[in-house]
Protein backbone atom coordinates (compact mmCIF):
# COMPACT_ATOMS: atom_id res chain seq x y z
CA MET A 1 0.00 0.00 0.00
CA GLY A 2 2.87 2.46 0.80
CA ILE A 3 4.41 2.07 -2.67
CA LEU A 4 1.08 2.84 -4.33
CA ARG A 5 0.65 5.96 -2.19
CA ASP A 6 4.24 7.00 -2.95
CA GLN A 7 3.64 6.63 -6.68
CA ARG A 8 0.37 8.55 -6.58
CA GLY A 9 2.04 11.32 -4.60
CA ALA A 10 4.99 11.44 -7.00
CA ASP A 11 2.65 11.50 -10.00
CA TRP A 12 0.66 14.35 -8.45
CA LEU A 13 3.83 16.38 -7.77
CA ILE A 14 5.16 15.82 -11.27
CA SER A 15 1.82 16.85 -12.81
CA HIS A 16 1.88 20.10 -10.78
CA GLN A 17 5.37 21.20 -11.78
CA GLU A 18 5.42 24.62 -13.44
CA LYS A 19 6.65 24.89 -17.04
CA ASP A 20 9.82 26.64 -15.85
CA GLY A 21 10.69 23.66 -13.61
CA SER A 22 9.58 25.12 -10.26
CA TRP A 23 6.75 24.20 -7.90
CA TYR A 24 4.51 26.56 -5.97
CA GLY A 25 4.80 26.13 -2.21
CA ARG A 26 1.80 27.38 -0.28
CA TRP A 27 3.23 27.77 3.21
CA GLY A 28 6.70 29.08 2.51
CA ILE A 29 7.93 31.88 0.32
CA CYS A 30 7.09 30.37 -2.23
CA TYR A 31 8.60 28.86 -5.38
CA ILE A 32 11.99 28.20 -3.80
CA TYR A 33 10.24 26.57 -0.87
CA GLY A 34 7.85 24.59 -3.09
CA THR A 35 10.66 23.38 -5.34
CA TRP A 36 12.70 22.32 -2.31
CA ALA A 37 9.73 20.39 -0.91
CA ALA A 38 8.94 18.71 -4.23
CA LEU A 39 12.52 17.75 -5.10
CA THR A 40 13.38 16.37 -1.66
CA GLY A 41 10.04 14.56 -1.52
CA LEU A 42 10.50 12.99 -4.93
CA LYS A 43 14.00 11.86 -4.01
CA ALA A 44 12.66 10.44 -0.72
CA VAL A 45 10.37 8.11 -2.68
CA ARG A 46 13.39 7.11 -4.76
CA LEU A 47 12.61 8.85 -8.03
CA PRO A 48 15.87 8.59 -10.03
CA ALA A 49 17.98 11.76 -10.08
CA ALA A 50 18.00 11.60 -13.90
CA HIS A 51 14.18 11.93 -14.02
CA GLU A 52 13.14 14.91 -16.16
CA ALA A 53 11.12 16.57 -13.37
CA LEU A 54 14.07 16.49 -10.98
CA GLN A 55 16.46 17.78 -13.61
CA LYS A 56 14.09 20.61 -14.57
CA GLY A 57 13.70 21.59 -10.91
CA ALA A 58 17.44 21.60 -10.31
CA GLU A 59 18.04 23.61 -13.49
CA TRP A 60 15.43 26.17 -12.41
CA LEU A 61 17.10 26.60 -9.02
CA THR A 62 20.48 27.03 -10.66
CA ARG A 63 19.07 29.65 -13.09
CA ILE A 64 17.63 31.80 -10.29
CA GLN A 65 20.75 31.70 -8.09
CA ASN A 66 21.86 35.20 -7.14
CA PRO A 67 25.29 36.42 -8.30
CA ASP A 68 26.48 36.31 -4.66
CA GLY A 69 25.83 32.53 -4.59
CA GLY A 70 22.68 32.52 -2.49
CA TRP A 71 18.97 32.58 -3.20
CA GLY A 72 16.20 35.01 -2.26
CA GLU A 73 12.56 35.33 -3.23
CA SER A 74 10.18 38.21 -2.67
CA CYS A 75 6.91 37.74 -0.80
CA THR A 76 5.35 39.25 -3.93
CA SER A 77 5.64 35.80 -5.56
CA ASP A 78 2.83 34.61 -3.34
CA ARG A 79 0.48 37.32 -4.54
CA VAL A 80 1.33 37.33 -8.27
CA MET A 81 1.67 33.53 -8.49
CA HIS A 82 5.05 33.45 -10.22
CA TYR A 83 8.63 33.69 -9.01
CA MET A 84 9.77 37.21 -8.11
CA PRO A 85 13.42 37.57 -7.09
CA LEU A 86 14.30 39.40 -3.90
CA ALA A 87 17.68 40.60 -5.27
CA GLU A 88 19.27 39.65 -1.94
CA SER A 89 19.98 36.24 -0.50
CA THR A 90 18.32 35.00 2.67
CA PRO A 91 19.54 32.18 4.93
CA SER A 92 16.48 29.93 4.80
CA GLN A 93 15.81 30.35 1.08
CA THR A 94 19.46 29.68 0.31
CA ALA A 95 19.31 26.57 2.50
CA TRP A 96 16.11 25.32 0.81
CA ALA A 97 17.59 25.75 -2.68
CA LEU A 98 20.83 24.07 -1.68
CA ASP A 99 19.11 21.20 0.10
CA ALA A 100 17.05 20.50 -3.02
CA LEU A 101 20.14 20.55 -5.23
CA ILE A 102 21.99 18.28 -2.81
CA ALA A 103 19.08 15.82 -2.94
CA VAL A 104 19.25 15.66 -6.74
CA LEU A 105 22.90 16.10 -7.71
CA PRO A 106 25.26 13.12 -7.33
CA GLU A 107 28.27 15.47 -6.96
CA PRO A 108 28.45 19.06 -5.73
CA SER A 109 28.25 21.54 -8.61
CA ALA A 110 29.89 24.95 -8.80
CA ALA A 111 26.47 26.45 -7.95
CA VAL A 112 26.22 24.29 -4.82
CA ASP A 113 29.75 25.11 -3.66
CA LYS A 114 29.19 28.84 -4.21
CA GLY A 115 25.86 28.58 -2.37
CA ILE A 116 27.41 26.76 0.59
CA ASN A 117 29.97 29.55 0.98
CA LYS A 118 27.24 32.20 0.84
CA MET A 119 25.07 30.30 3.31
CA ILE A 120 27.92 30.14 5.82
CA GLU A 121 28.42 33.89 5.37
CA LEU A 122 24.68 34.49 5.92
CA LEU A 123 24.82 32.54 9.20
CA GLN A 124 27.15 35.24 10.52
CA GLN A 125 25.07 38.21 9.35
CA ASN A 126 22.42 40.09 11.25
CA ASP A 127 20.63 42.41 8.83
CA TRP A 128 17.24 42.67 7.14
CA THR A 129 17.86 39.52 5.07
CA THR A 130 17.95 37.45 8.26
CA THR A 131 14.54 38.75 9.32
CA TYR A 132 12.78 38.57 5.96
CA PRO A 133 9.53 36.53 6.21
CA THR A 134 9.80 32.81 5.51
CA GLY A 135 6.15 31.78 5.77
CA ALA A 136 2.97 32.87 4.02
CA GLY A 137 -0.23 33.18 6.01
CA LEU A 138 -2.55 35.17 3.72
CA PRO A 139 -1.03 36.10 0.34
CA GLY A 140 -0.40 39.82 0.14
CA ASN A 141 -1.56 40.43 3.70
CA PHE A 142 0.14 38.29 6.33
CA TYR A 143 3.62 36.77 6.36
CA THR A 144 5.47 35.02 9.15
CA LEU A 145 9.05 35.16 10.29
CA TYR A 146 10.09 31.96 11.98
CA HIS A 147 13.06 33.22 13.96
CA SER A 148 14.80 29.86 14.17
CA TYR A 149 14.65 29.15 10.40
CA ARG A 150 17.76 31.26 9.73
CA TYR A 151 19.71 28.70 11.79
CA ILE A 152 17.79 25.42 11.47
CA TRP A 153 17.60 25.16 7.67
CA PRO A 154 21.23 26.10 7.00
CA LEU A 155 22.44 23.64 9.66
CA LEU A 156 20.31 20.83 8.21
CA THR A 157 21.56 21.67 4.73
CA LEU A 158 25.20 21.62 5.87
CA SER A 159 24.54 18.24 7.48
CA HIS A 160 23.04 16.87 4.24
CA TYR A 161 25.97 18.25 2.25
CA LYS A 162 28.51 16.60 4.56
CA LYS A 163 26.63 13.31 4.69
CA LYS A 164 26.19 13.04 0.91
CA TYR A 165 29.45 14.48 -0.36
CA GLY A 166 31.72 13.78 2.61
CA ALA A 167 33.08 17.31 2.61
């Protein structure tokens, strides 16, 4: 019964992938979060890394990486229903993007290595990017800052990086 549920869930996720390779994530901000959840979920049910949906998702994340190596998405994405860059990198969004790439990529890419360096830098910062909302309550009206996310997600991502790549 579990395998059937896994397959139905995977099929549903794949059918809801956006044309650009991303997924919408309702509770986080928003496409980075949704793509992280979809890619890590699909890998958890053992979808092969070479699967087109996983490759498209990883390519989308790599395309939207900020020049500084991190990732950041505006809360506006939630309201306009498509990805809107923040132009700055945030700790949790960088961690989500990296964790998704780590789940899919057999070896660390240049984008992953650059992102890991930026994420470590972000862990040491204390500016507006560390207090940018990470959760969506009511699109366009109410957003949530989970204060621990700026530490929890990067630490989990670093753990996944070390476990998978041994670095």
